[in-house]
Amino acid sequence: MKILVVGASGRVGTDLVKQLLADEHQVVGTTRQKEKLFKDKHYSQLDLDITASKESIVEQLDQDIEAVYFVAGSGGKNVLEVDLHGAVKTMQAAQEKGIKRYIMLSSVFSLETEKWENNPGIADLKEYYIAKHYADHWLVNNSTLDYTIVQPGALKERAGTGKITINDTSSGENAIEDVATALAAVLTADNTIGKVFNLHNGDIAIGEAIATV
């Protein structure tokens, strides 16, 4: 497939692109960095400014893209422009281009605001969570996309285990590599279309866990 990865230079985006390329997909990665991120014949790069107009985003997207991953993030510096408005504009652009498959990297409990108050990790990131809440809400309720929303807990830079737990009541922690593997796995898992699920490190093989969504 030809896949657009919005946020290819991020912590999750980098691992995700590596896995998609290993699966022999053609990847178009977006980044503001000038240097090409991956030296692979199936990889190309796009300097896509998601704070620009929706029309500008539409113009820059290739017509033959088959799926979009949104794994970009502002790092808490510009949550409205990037994590909320930027995300929604990529959804709108995908619709206008006739792209159906859209996979969103979100955060645990983004749509369950009743769980925010008793979770210190979420309380410390309140503005980010508000932005993710409404971006995810727009994707679910206002788009016509074949979406999947993946909601990891805290991201940790450690070796992946290849195993996760999904839809648990705790927020938990995630090896970044395992989150990327889960994102890659949902691409062709039709059972995840129209679904929102959380995940953290666990004891179930990722492919097996994804099959139960």
N, C-alpha and C. Protein backbone atom coordinates (compact mmCIF):
# COMPACT_ATOMS: atom_id res chain seq x y z
N MET A 1 0.83 -1.19 0.00
CA MET A 1 0.00 0.00 0.00
C MET A 1 0.87 1.25 0.00
N LYS A 2 0.32 2.34 -0.47
CA LYS A 2 1.00 3.63 -0.38
C LYS A 2 0.40 4.37 0.81
N ILE A 3 1.26 4.67 1.78
CA ILE A 3 0.79 5.14 3.08
C ILE A 3 1.42 6.48 3.43
N LEU A 4 0.61 7.41 3.90
CA LEU A 4 1.09 8.69 4.39
C LEU A 4 1.23 8.60 5.90
N VAL A 5 2.43 8.90 6.42
CA VAL A 5 2.66 8.92 7.86
C VAL A 5 2.91 10.38 8.27
N VAL A 6 1.93 10.98 8.90
CA VAL A 6 2.05 12.37 9.36
C VAL A 6 2.77 12.36 10.70
N GLY A 7 3.99 12.88 10.71
CA GLY A 7 4.80 12.87 11.92
C GLY A 7 5.84 11.76 11.90
N ALA A 8 6.45 11.55 10.74
CA ALA A 8 7.39 10.43 10.57
C ALA A 8 8.66 10.57 11.39
N SER A 9 9.01 11.78 11.80
CA SER A 9 10.26 11.98 12.54
C SER A 9 10.09 11.88 14.05
N GLY A 10 8.86 11.68 14.51
CA GLY A 10 8.62 11.55 15.94
C GLY A 10 9.07 10.21 16.49
N ARG A 11 8.96 10.05 17.80
CA ARG A 11 9.43 8.82 18.44
C ARG A 11 8.66 7.60 17.94
N VAL A 12 7.36 7.70 17.90
CA VAL A 12 6.56 6.58 17.38
C VAL A 12 6.63 6.53 15.86
N GLY A 13 6.60 7.69 15.22
CA GLY A 13 6.62 7.75 13.77
C GLY A 13 7.82 7.08 13.16
N THR A 14 8.99 7.27 13.76
CA THR A 14 10.21 6.67 13.24
C THR A 14 10.13 5.15 13.25
N ASP A 15 9.71 4.59 14.38
CA ASP A 15 9.58 3.13 14.46
C ASP A 15 8.47 2.61 13.55
N LEU A 16 7.40 3.37 13.43
CA LEU A 16 6.30 2.96 12.56
C LEU A 16 6.74 2.88 11.11
N VAL A 17 7.44 3.90 10.64
CA VAL A 17 7.91 3.89 9.24
C VAL A 17 8.83 2.70 9.01
N LYS A 18 9.74 2.43 9.94
CA LYS A 18 10.63 1.28 9.80
C LYS A 18 9.84 -0.01 9.61
N GLN A 19 8.78 -0.17 10.38
CA GLN A 19 8.00 -1.40 10.30
C GLN A 19 7.20 -1.47 9.01
N LEU A 20 6.65 -0.35 8.58
CA LEU A 20 5.89 -0.33 7.32
C LEU A 20 6.80 -0.63 6.13
N LEU A 21 8.01 -0.09 6.16
CA LEU A 21 8.97 -0.37 5.09
C LEU A 21 9.39 -1.83 5.11
N ALA A 22 9.56 -2.38 6.32
CA ALA A 22 9.92 -3.80 6.43
C ALA A 22 8.82 -4.69 5.88
N ASP A 23 7.57 -4.20 5.94
CA ASP A 23 6.43 -4.94 5.38
C ASP A 23 6.24 -4.65 3.89
N GLU A 24 7.20 -3.90 3.31
CA GLU A 24 7.25 -3.61 1.88
C GLU A 24 6.13 -2.68 1.40
N HIS A 25 5.66 -1.82 2.30
CA HIS A 25 4.74 -0.77 1.89
C HIS A 25 5.54 0.40 1.32
N GLN A 26 4.88 1.23 0.56
CA GLN A 26 5.47 2.49 0.08
C GLN A 26 5.03 3.57 1.05
N VAL A 27 5.99 4.28 1.62
CA VAL A 27 5.69 5.24 2.68
C VAL A 27 6.07 6.65 2.26
N VAL A 28 5.15 7.58 2.47
CA VAL A 28 5.42 9.01 2.34
C VAL A 28 5.40 9.58 3.76
N GLY A 29 6.56 10.01 4.25
CA GLY A 29 6.64 10.54 5.60
C GLY A 29 6.64 12.05 5.60
N THR A 30 5.93 12.64 6.54
CA THR A 30 5.95 14.10 6.66
C THR A 30 6.84 14.51 7.82
N THR A 31 7.63 15.54 7.60
CA THR A 31 8.51 16.09 8.63
C THR A 31 8.94 17.48 8.19
N ARG A 32 9.27 18.31 9.16
CA ARG A 32 9.81 19.64 8.83
C ARG A 32 11.32 19.59 8.69
N GLN A 33 11.94 18.44 8.93
CA GLN A 33 13.38 18.30 8.76
C GLN A 33 13.73 18.22 7.28
N LYS A 34 14.85 18.82 6.92
CA LYS A 34 15.25 18.85 5.51
C LYS A 34 15.94 17.55 5.09
N GLU A 35 16.68 16.95 6.01
CA GLU A 35 17.40 15.72 5.68
C GLU A 35 16.42 14.55 5.56
N LYS A 36 16.63 13.70 4.55
CA LYS A 36 15.76 12.56 4.36
C LYS A 36 15.95 11.58 5.51
N LEU A 37 14.85 11.14 6.10
CA LEU A 37 14.90 10.34 7.31
C LEU A 37 15.31 8.89 7.06
N PHE A 38 14.92 8.34 5.91
CA PHE A 38 15.18 6.93 5.62
C PHE A 38 15.73 6.78 4.20
N LYS A 39 16.80 6.02 4.08
CA LYS A 39 17.38 5.75 2.77
C LYS A 39 16.83 4.41 2.27
N ASP A 40 15.64 4.47 1.78
CA ASP A 40 14.96 3.27 1.30
C ASP A 40 14.22 3.64 0.02
N LYS A 41 14.28 2.78 -0.98
CA LYS A 41 13.68 3.11 -2.27
C LYS A 41 12.16 3.24 -2.19
N HIS A 42 11.57 2.70 -1.13
CA HIS A 42 10.12 2.79 -0.98
C HIS A 42 9.69 3.95 -0.09
N TYR A 43 10.66 4.81 0.27
CA TYR A 43 10.35 5.93 1.15
C TYR A 43 10.54 7.26 0.43
N SER A 44 9.57 8.14 0.59
CA SER A 44 9.70 9.52 0.11
C SER A 44 9.24 10.45 1.22
N GLN A 45 9.56 11.72 1.08
CA GLN A 45 9.34 12.65 2.19
C GLN A 45 8.62 13.90 1.73
N LEU A 46 7.78 14.43 2.61
CA LEU A 46 6.96 15.59 2.29
C LEU A 46 7.05 16.59 3.45
N ASP A 47 7.40 17.82 3.12
CA ASP A 47 7.43 18.89 4.12
C ASP A 47 6.02 19.45 4.23
N LEU A 48 5.19 18.76 5.00
CA LEU A 48 3.78 19.11 5.11
C LEU A 48 3.54 19.91 6.38
N ASP A 49 3.08 21.13 6.23
CA ASP A 49 2.78 21.99 7.37
C ASP A 49 1.30 21.83 7.72
N ILE A 50 1.02 21.09 8.80
CA ILE A 50 -0.39 20.85 9.14
C ILE A 50 -1.03 22.05 9.84
N THR A 51 -0.24 23.12 10.06
CA THR A 51 -0.85 24.35 10.56
C THR A 51 -1.30 25.25 9.40
N ALA A 52 -1.00 24.84 8.17
CA ALA A 52 -1.45 25.58 6.99
C ALA A 52 -2.93 25.28 6.74
N SER A 53 -3.47 25.89 5.70
CA SER A 53 -4.89 25.69 5.40
C SER A 53 -5.16 24.26 4.97
N LYS A 54 -6.39 23.85 5.15
CA LYS A 54 -6.80 22.53 4.69
C LYS A 54 -6.61 22.39 3.18
N GLU A 55 -6.88 23.45 2.45
CA GLU A 55 -6.71 23.42 0.99
C GLU A 55 -5.27 23.18 0.60
N SER A 56 -4.33 23.79 1.34
CA SER A 56 -2.91 23.58 1.08
C SER A 56 -2.51 22.13 1.33
N ILE A 57 -3.05 21.54 2.38
CA ILE A 57 -2.76 20.14 2.69
C ILE A 57 -3.29 19.23 1.58
N VAL A 58 -4.50 19.49 1.14
CA VAL A 58 -5.10 18.69 0.07
C VAL A 58 -4.24 18.72 -1.18
N GLU A 59 -3.77 19.90 -1.55
CA GLU A 59 -2.97 20.05 -2.77
C GLU A 59 -1.68 19.25 -2.73
N GLN A 60 -1.12 19.04 -1.55
CA GLN A 60 0.18 18.37 -1.44
C GLN A 60 0.07 16.85 -1.36
N LEU A 61 -1.12 16.32 -1.17
CA LEU A 61 -1.27 14.87 -1.01
C LEU A 61 -1.39 14.19 -2.37
N ASP A 62 -0.63 13.13 -2.56
CA ASP A 62 -0.72 12.35 -3.79
C ASP A 62 -2.10 11.72 -3.90
N GLN A 63 -2.56 11.57 -5.13
CA GLN A 63 -3.90 11.04 -5.36
C GLN A 63 -4.01 9.55 -5.03
N ASP A 64 -2.87 8.84 -5.08
CA ASP A 64 -2.92 7.38 -4.91
C ASP A 64 -2.59 6.90 -3.51
N ILE A 65 -2.61 7.78 -2.53
CA ILE A 65 -2.41 7.36 -1.14
C ILE A 65 -3.61 6.52 -0.70
N GLU A 66 -3.32 5.41 -0.03
CA GLU A 66 -4.38 4.48 0.35
C GLU A 66 -4.71 4.50 1.84
N ALA A 67 -3.81 5.04 2.65
CA ALA A 67 -4.05 5.09 4.09
C ALA A 67 -3.24 6.21 4.69
N VAL A 68 -3.75 6.76 5.80
CA VAL A 68 -3.08 7.85 6.51
C VAL A 68 -2.91 7.45 7.98
N TYR A 69 -1.70 7.64 8.48
CA TYR A 69 -1.44 7.55 9.92
C TYR A 69 -1.21 8.96 10.43
N PHE A 70 -1.85 9.31 11.54
CA PHE A 70 -1.53 10.58 12.20
C PHE A 70 -0.83 10.24 13.50
N VAL A 71 0.49 10.44 13.52
CA VAL A 71 1.30 10.17 14.72
C VAL A 71 2.09 11.41 15.11
N ALA A 72 1.67 12.56 14.60
CA ALA A 72 2.35 13.82 14.91
C ALA A 72 1.92 14.32 16.28
N GLY A 73 2.76 15.19 16.86
CA GLY A 73 2.41 15.80 18.13
C GLY A 73 3.19 17.08 18.33
N SER A 74 2.62 17.98 19.07
CA SER A 74 3.26 19.28 19.29
C SER A 74 4.22 19.25 20.46
N GLY A 75 4.22 18.17 21.23
CA GLY A 75 5.04 18.14 22.44
C GLY A 75 4.54 19.11 23.49
N GLY A 76 3.26 19.44 23.41
CA GLY A 76 2.67 20.35 24.37
C GLY A 76 2.88 21.82 24.08
N LYS A 77 3.54 22.13 22.94
CA LYS A 77 3.87 23.52 22.65
C LYS A 77 2.80 24.24 21.84
N ASN A 78 2.01 23.48 21.08
CA ASN A 78 1.02 24.11 20.20
C ASN A 78 -0.14 23.15 20.01
N VAL A 79 -0.77 22.79 21.10
CA VAL A 79 -1.75 21.70 21.05
C VAL A 79 -2.97 22.03 20.19
N LEU A 80 -3.41 23.27 20.20
CA LEU A 80 -4.59 23.61 19.40
C LEU A 80 -4.29 23.54 17.91
N GLU A 81 -3.17 24.10 17.48
CA GLU A 81 -2.84 24.15 16.06
C GLU A 81 -2.46 22.79 15.50
N VAL A 82 -1.75 21.98 16.30
CA VAL A 82 -1.23 20.70 15.81
C VAL A 82 -2.11 19.53 16.21
N ASP A 83 -2.25 19.31 17.51
CA ASP A 83 -2.92 18.11 18.00
C ASP A 83 -4.43 18.13 17.76
N LEU A 84 -5.01 19.29 17.67
CA LEU A 84 -6.45 19.38 17.40
C LEU A 84 -6.72 19.82 15.96
N HIS A 85 -6.47 21.09 15.65
CA HIS A 85 -6.84 21.61 14.34
C HIS A 85 -6.04 20.94 13.22
N GLY A 86 -4.75 20.74 13.43
CA GLY A 86 -3.94 20.08 12.41
C GLY A 86 -4.43 18.68 12.12
N ALA A 87 -4.76 17.94 13.17
CA ALA A 87 -5.26 16.58 12.99
C ALA A 87 -6.57 16.58 12.20
N VAL A 88 -7.49 17.44 12.58
CA VAL A 88 -8.78 17.48 11.90
C VAL A 88 -8.62 17.85 10.42
N LYS A 89 -7.71 18.76 10.13
CA LYS A 89 -7.49 19.12 8.72
C LYS A 89 -6.95 17.95 7.91
N THR A 90 -6.14 17.10 8.52
CA THR A 90 -5.67 15.92 7.76
C THR A 90 -6.82 14.95 7.53
N MET A 91 -7.75 14.86 8.46
CA MET A 91 -8.94 14.02 8.25
C MET A 91 -9.78 14.57 7.09
N GLN A 92 -9.99 15.86 7.11
CA GLN A 92 -10.78 16.49 6.04
C GLN A 92 -10.09 16.33 4.69
N ALA A 93 -8.77 16.48 4.68
CA ALA A 93 -8.02 16.33 3.44
C ALA A 93 -8.11 14.90 2.92
N ALA A 94 -8.01 13.93 3.83
CA ALA A 94 -8.13 12.53 3.42
C ALA A 94 -9.49 12.27 2.78
N GLN A 95 -10.54 12.81 3.37
CA GLN A 95 -11.88 12.64 2.80
C GLN A 95 -11.97 13.24 1.41
N GLU A 96 -11.43 14.44 1.25
CA GLU A 96 -11.50 15.10 -0.05
C GLU A 96 -10.73 14.35 -1.12
N LYS A 97 -9.66 13.65 -0.71
CA LYS A 97 -8.85 12.87 -1.64
C LYS A 97 -9.42 11.47 -1.89
N GLY A 98 -10.48 11.14 -1.17
CA GLY A 98 -11.07 9.82 -1.34
C GLY A 98 -10.32 8.72 -0.62
N ILE A 99 -9.46 9.10 0.34
CA ILE A 99 -8.72 8.11 1.14
C ILE A 99 -9.65 7.66 2.27
N LYS A 100 -9.84 6.36 2.42
CA LYS A 100 -10.77 5.88 3.43
C LYS A 100 -10.10 5.50 4.76
N ARG A 101 -8.93 4.88 4.69
CA ARG A 101 -8.32 4.33 5.91
C ARG A 101 -7.53 5.40 6.64
N TYR A 102 -7.84 5.59 7.92
CA TYR A 102 -7.20 6.62 8.72
C TYR A 102 -6.95 6.06 10.12
N ILE A 103 -5.69 6.07 10.53
CA ILE A 103 -5.31 5.51 11.82
C ILE A 103 -4.70 6.61 12.69
N MET A 104 -5.30 6.81 13.84
CA MET A 104 -4.92 7.89 14.74
C MET A 104 -4.18 7.35 15.97
N LEU A 105 -3.00 7.90 16.23
CA LEU A 105 -2.32 7.66 17.50
C LEU A 105 -2.85 8.67 18.50
N SER A 106 -3.49 8.19 19.55
CA SER A 106 -4.06 9.08 20.54
C SER A 106 -3.44 8.80 21.90
N SER A 107 -4.20 9.00 22.95
CA SER A 107 -3.72 8.77 24.32
C SER A 107 -4.81 8.05 25.11
N VAL A 108 -4.39 7.25 26.06
CA VAL A 108 -5.32 6.44 26.84
C VAL A 108 -6.42 7.31 27.46
N PHE A 109 -7.65 6.83 27.32
CA PHE A 109 -8.84 7.47 27.89
C PHE A 109 -9.14 8.85 27.29
N SER A 110 -8.66 9.11 26.07
CA SER A 110 -8.89 10.44 25.47
C SER A 110 -10.38 10.76 25.34
N LEU A 111 -11.20 9.75 25.14
CA LEU A 111 -12.63 9.97 24.97
C LEU A 111 -13.44 9.69 26.24
N GLU A 112 -12.75 9.36 27.32
CA GLU A 112 -13.43 9.04 28.58
C GLU A 112 -13.05 10.07 29.62
N THR A 113 -13.64 11.25 29.50
CA THR A 113 -13.25 12.37 30.36
C THR A 113 -13.52 12.11 31.83
N GLU A 114 -14.43 11.20 32.13
CA GLU A 114 -14.73 10.90 33.52
C GLU A 114 -13.54 10.23 34.24
N LYS A 115 -12.57 9.73 33.47
CA LYS A 115 -11.41 9.07 34.05
C LYS A 115 -10.21 10.01 34.22
N TRP A 116 -10.37 11.26 33.82
CA TRP A 116 -9.24 12.17 33.86
C TRP A 116 -8.89 12.64 35.28
N GLU A 117 -9.90 12.91 36.08
CA GLU A 117 -9.67 13.58 37.37
C GLU A 117 -8.84 12.74 38.33
N ASN A 118 -8.98 11.44 38.28
CA ASN A 118 -8.28 10.57 39.22
C ASN A 118 -7.01 9.97 38.64
N ASN A 119 -6.51 10.57 37.58
CA ASN A 119 -5.30 10.07 36.94
C ASN A 119 -4.28 11.20 36.89
N PRO A 120 -3.28 11.19 37.77
CA PRO A 120 -2.31 12.29 37.84
C PRO A 120 -1.59 12.53 36.52
N GLY A 121 -1.27 11.47 35.78
CA GLY A 121 -0.57 11.63 34.51
C GLY A 121 -1.37 12.43 33.51
N ILE A 122 -2.69 12.24 33.53
CA ILE A 122 -3.55 12.99 32.62
C ILE A 122 -3.71 14.43 33.11
N ALA A 123 -3.86 14.60 34.41
CA ALA A 123 -4.03 15.95 34.97
C ALA A 123 -2.87 16.86 34.61
N ASP A 124 -1.67 16.29 34.52
CA ASP A 124 -0.48 17.08 34.18
C ASP A 124 -0.44 17.46 32.70
N LEU A 125 -1.27 16.84 31.89
CA LEU A 125 -1.29 17.09 30.44
C LEU A 125 -2.69 17.51 29.99
N LYS A 126 -3.36 18.28 30.81
CA LYS A 126 -4.78 18.58 30.60
C LYS A 126 -5.06 19.22 29.24
N GLU A 127 -4.27 20.23 28.85
CA GLU A 127 -4.54 20.90 27.58
C GLU A 127 -4.34 19.95 26.40
N TYR A 128 -3.30 19.11 26.48
CA TYR A 128 -3.06 18.11 25.43
C TYR A 128 -4.23 17.15 25.35
N TYR A 129 -4.72 16.70 26.49
CA TYR A 129 -5.83 15.75 26.50
C TYR A 129 -7.11 16.37 25.96
N ILE A 130 -7.33 17.61 26.24
CA ILE A 130 -8.52 18.28 25.69
C ILE A 130 -8.43 18.32 24.17
N ALA A 131 -7.25 18.65 23.65
CA ALA A 131 -7.06 18.68 22.19
C ALA A 131 -7.27 17.31 21.58
N LYS A 132 -6.69 16.27 22.19
CA LYS A 132 -6.86 14.91 21.67
C LYS A 132 -8.31 14.47 21.76
N HIS A 133 -8.99 14.85 22.83
CA HIS A 133 -10.40 14.48 23.00
C HIS A 133 -11.24 14.96 21.83
N TYR A 134 -11.08 16.24 21.49
CA TYR A 134 -11.94 16.78 20.44
C TYR A 134 -11.50 16.37 19.03
N ALA A 135 -10.21 16.12 18.84
CA ALA A 135 -9.75 15.58 17.55
C ALA A 135 -10.32 14.18 17.36
N ASP A 136 -10.23 13.34 18.38
CA ASP A 136 -10.77 11.99 18.28
C ASP A 136 -12.28 12.02 18.12
N HIS A 137 -12.92 12.91 18.84
CA HIS A 137 -14.37 13.06 18.74
C HIS A 137 -14.77 13.41 17.31
N TRP A 138 -14.02 14.31 16.69
CA TRP A 138 -14.33 14.70 15.30
C TRP A 138 -14.17 13.50 14.37
N LEU A 139 -13.11 12.75 14.56
CA LEU A 139 -12.85 11.58 13.71
C LEU A 139 -13.99 10.57 13.81
N VAL A 140 -14.46 10.33 15.02
CA VAL A 140 -15.51 9.33 15.24
C VAL A 140 -16.87 9.82 14.76
N ASN A 141 -17.20 11.06 15.06
CA ASN A 141 -18.57 11.53 14.88
C ASN A 141 -18.80 12.43 13.67
N ASN A 142 -17.72 12.97 13.09
CA ASN A 142 -17.91 13.91 11.99
C ASN A 142 -17.27 13.48 10.69
N SER A 143 -16.47 12.43 10.71
CA SER A 143 -15.82 11.99 9.48
C SER A 143 -16.53 10.76 8.92
N THR A 144 -16.22 10.48 7.66
CA THR A 144 -16.73 9.26 7.01
C THR A 144 -15.59 8.27 6.80
N LEU A 145 -14.49 8.44 7.51
CA LEU A 145 -13.30 7.63 7.32
C LEU A 145 -13.42 6.27 8.00
N ASP A 146 -12.70 5.29 7.47
CA ASP A 146 -12.57 3.99 8.12
C ASP A 146 -11.46 4.13 9.15
N TYR A 147 -11.81 4.60 10.32
CA TYR A 147 -10.82 4.99 11.31
C TYR A 147 -10.52 3.86 12.29
N THR A 148 -9.34 3.94 12.87
CA THR A 148 -8.98 3.21 14.08
C THR A 148 -8.23 4.19 14.97
N ILE A 149 -8.61 4.25 16.24
CA ILE A 149 -7.92 5.11 17.20
C ILE A 149 -7.20 4.22 18.21
N VAL A 150 -5.88 4.37 18.27
CA VAL A 150 -5.04 3.57 19.16
C VAL A 150 -4.59 4.47 20.31
N GLN A 151 -4.88 4.05 21.54
CA GLN A 151 -4.66 4.89 22.71
C GLN A 151 -3.66 4.26 23.68
N PRO A 152 -2.37 4.49 23.51
CA PRO A 152 -1.40 3.97 24.48
C PRO A 152 -1.37 4.82 25.74
N GLY A 153 -0.82 4.20 26.80
CA GLY A 153 -0.52 4.96 28.00
C GLY A 153 0.82 5.66 27.83
N ALA A 154 1.54 5.85 28.91
CA ALA A 154 2.82 6.56 28.87
C ALA A 154 3.80 5.85 27.94
N LEU A 155 4.47 6.62 27.08
CA LEU A 155 5.43 6.07 26.13
C LEU A 155 6.82 6.04 26.75
N LYS A 156 7.48 4.89 26.64
CA LYS A 156 8.79 4.71 27.25
C LYS A 156 9.80 4.24 26.20
N GLU A 157 10.99 4.83 26.25
CA GLU A 157 12.05 4.46 25.30
C GLU A 157 12.82 3.26 25.83
N ARG A 158 12.24 2.10 25.67
CA ARG A 158 12.88 0.84 26.07
C ARG A 158 12.53 -0.22 25.04
N ALA A 159 13.23 -1.32 25.11
CA ALA A 159 13.04 -2.39 24.13
C ALA A 159 11.61 -2.93 24.19
N GLY A 160 11.05 -3.17 23.01
CA GLY A 160 9.72 -3.75 22.94
C GLY A 160 9.73 -5.21 23.34
N THR A 161 8.57 -5.68 23.79
CA THR A 161 8.43 -7.08 24.17
C THR A 161 7.63 -7.88 23.16
N GLY A 162 6.92 -7.16 22.26
CA GLY A 162 6.05 -7.84 21.31
C GLY A 162 4.75 -8.30 21.92
N LYS A 163 4.49 -7.86 23.17
CA LYS A 163 3.27 -8.27 23.87
C LYS A 163 2.59 -7.07 24.51
N ILE A 164 1.26 -7.08 24.51
CA ILE A 164 0.49 -5.97 25.04
C ILE A 164 -0.76 -6.49 25.74
N THR A 165 -1.42 -5.58 26.43
CA THR A 165 -2.77 -5.79 26.95
C THR A 165 -3.63 -4.68 26.39
N ILE A 166 -4.82 -5.00 25.95
CA ILE A 166 -5.70 -3.97 25.38
C ILE A 166 -6.98 -3.82 26.21
N ASN A 167 -7.52 -2.59 26.15
CA ASN A 167 -8.78 -2.23 26.81
C ASN A 167 -8.79 -2.61 28.29
N ASP A 168 -7.68 -2.26 28.95
CA ASP A 168 -7.57 -2.47 30.38
C ASP A 168 -8.09 -1.23 31.10
N THR A 169 -8.38 -1.35 32.37
CA THR A 169 -8.90 -0.20 33.12
C THR A 169 -7.80 0.72 33.63
N SER A 170 -6.54 0.27 33.58
CA SER A 170 -5.42 1.11 34.00
C SER A 170 -4.73 1.72 32.79
N SER A 171 -4.04 2.83 33.00
CA SER A 171 -3.40 3.51 31.87
C SER A 171 -2.11 2.81 31.45
N GLY A 172 -1.28 2.41 32.41
CA GLY A 172 -0.10 1.62 32.11
C GLY A 172 0.97 2.35 31.31
N GLU A 173 2.02 1.62 30.97
CA GLU A 173 3.13 2.14 30.18
C GLU A 173 3.32 1.30 28.93
N ASN A 174 3.98 1.91 27.93
CA ASN A 174 4.18 1.24 26.65
C ASN A 174 5.60 1.46 26.14
N ALA A 175 6.24 0.39 25.70
CA ALA A 175 7.46 0.54 24.93
C ALA A 175 7.08 1.13 23.57
N ILE A 176 7.79 2.16 23.13
CA ILE A 176 7.45 2.83 21.88
C ILE A 176 7.43 1.84 20.72
N GLU A 177 8.38 0.91 20.69
CA GLU A 177 8.44 -0.07 19.62
C GLU A 177 7.16 -0.90 19.55
N ASP A 178 6.60 -1.25 20.71
CA ASP A 178 5.36 -2.05 20.73
C ASP A 178 4.17 -1.24 20.22
N VAL A 179 4.13 0.05 20.53
CA VAL A 179 3.06 0.90 20.01
C VAL A 179 3.13 0.96 18.49
N ALA A 180 4.35 1.13 17.96
CA ALA A 180 4.52 1.17 16.50
C ALA A 180 4.11 -0.15 15.86
N THR A 181 4.44 -1.26 16.51
CA THR A 181 4.06 -2.57 15.98
C THR A 181 2.54 -2.72 15.96
N ALA A 182 1.89 -2.26 17.02
CA ALA A 182 0.43 -2.32 17.08
C ALA A 182 -0.20 -1.45 15.99
N LEU A 183 0.35 -0.26 15.79
CA LEU A 183 -0.17 0.62 14.73
C LEU A 183 -0.02 -0.03 13.36
N ALA A 184 1.12 -0.65 13.11
CA ALA A 184 1.33 -1.32 11.82
C ALA A 184 0.36 -2.48 11.66
N ALA A 185 0.08 -3.17 12.75
CA ALA A 185 -0.79 -4.35 12.69
C ALA A 185 -2.23 -4.00 12.36
N VAL A 186 -2.71 -2.84 12.79
CA VAL A 186 -4.12 -2.52 12.56
C VAL A 186 -4.39 -2.10 11.11
N LEU A 187 -3.34 -1.82 10.36
CA LEU A 187 -3.52 -1.32 8.99
C LEU A 187 -4.42 -2.23 8.17
N THR A 188 -4.19 -3.52 8.23
CA THR A 188 -4.96 -4.47 7.43
C THR A 188 -5.89 -5.33 8.29
N ALA A 189 -6.08 -4.94 9.55
CA ALA A 189 -6.98 -5.67 10.44
C ALA A 189 -8.36 -5.03 10.36
N ASP A 190 -9.20 -5.56 9.50
CA ASP A 190 -10.52 -4.96 9.28
C ASP A 190 -11.38 -4.93 10.53
N ASN A 191 -11.10 -5.82 11.48
CA ASN A 191 -11.89 -5.82 12.72
C ASN A 191 -11.66 -4.58 13.56
N THR A 192 -10.60 -3.82 13.25
CA THR A 192 -10.32 -2.61 14.03
C THR A 192 -10.95 -1.36 13.42
N ILE A 193 -11.57 -1.49 12.25
CA ILE A 193 -12.19 -0.33 11.62
C ILE A 193 -13.39 0.13 12.45
N GLY A 194 -13.43 1.43 12.72
CA GLY A 194 -14.50 1.99 13.54
C GLY A 194 -14.34 1.71 15.03
N LYS A 195 -13.11 1.35 15.44
CA LYS A 195 -12.88 0.98 16.83
C LYS A 195 -11.88 1.94 17.50
N VAL A 196 -12.04 2.08 18.80
CA VAL A 196 -11.13 2.83 19.65
C VAL A 196 -10.67 1.87 20.74
N PHE A 197 -9.36 1.73 20.93
CA PHE A 197 -8.91 0.84 22.00
C PHE A 197 -7.62 1.35 22.63
N ASN A 198 -7.48 1.05 23.93
CA ASN A 198 -6.25 1.43 24.63
C ASN A 198 -5.34 0.21 24.76
N LEU A 199 -4.07 0.47 25.03
CA LEU A 199 -3.13 -0.62 25.18
C LEU A 199 -1.99 -0.22 26.12
N HIS A 200 -1.39 -1.22 26.72
CA HIS A 200 -0.14 -1.03 27.45
C HIS A 200 0.60 -2.35 27.48
N ASN A 201 1.81 -2.32 28.00
CA ASN A 201 2.60 -3.55 28.05
C ASN A 201 1.81 -4.66 28.74
N GLY A 202 1.92 -5.86 28.17
CA GLY A 202 1.16 -6.96 28.74
C GLY A 202 1.78 -8.29 28.39
N ASP A 203 0.93 -9.31 28.29
CA ASP A 203 1.45 -10.66 28.07
C ASP A 203 0.80 -11.37 26.89
N ILE A 204 0.14 -10.62 26.00
CA ILE A 204 -0.49 -11.20 24.82
C ILE A 204 0.24 -10.71 23.58
N ALA A 205 0.59 -11.63 22.69
CA ALA A 205 1.28 -11.24 21.45
C ALA A 205 0.47 -10.19 20.72
N ILE A 206 1.16 -9.19 20.15
CA ILE A 206 0.46 -8.04 19.58
C ILE A 206 -0.55 -8.44 18.50
N GLY A 207 -0.14 -9.31 17.58
CA GLY A 207 -1.08 -9.72 16.54
C GLY A 207 -2.30 -10.40 17.10
N GLU A 208 -2.10 -11.24 18.11
CA GLU A 208 -3.21 -11.94 18.76
C GLU A 208 -4.13 -10.96 19.48
N ALA A 209 -3.53 -9.97 20.14
CA ALA A 209 -4.33 -8.98 20.86
C ALA A 209 -5.16 -8.12 19.90
N ILE A 210 -4.54 -7.70 18.80
CA ILE A 210 -5.24 -6.89 17.81
C ILE A 210 -6.44 -7.65 17.23
N ALA A 211 -6.31 -8.95 17.08
CA ALA A 211 -7.38 -9.76 16.51
C ALA A 211 -8.62 -9.79 17.39
N THR A 212 -8.47 -9.41 18.68
CA THR A 212 -9.61 -9.45 19.59
C THR A 212 -10.34 -8.11 19.71
N VAL A 213 -9.85 -7.09 19.05
CA VAL A 213 -10.45 -5.75 19.16
C VAL A 213 -11.88 -5.77 18.64
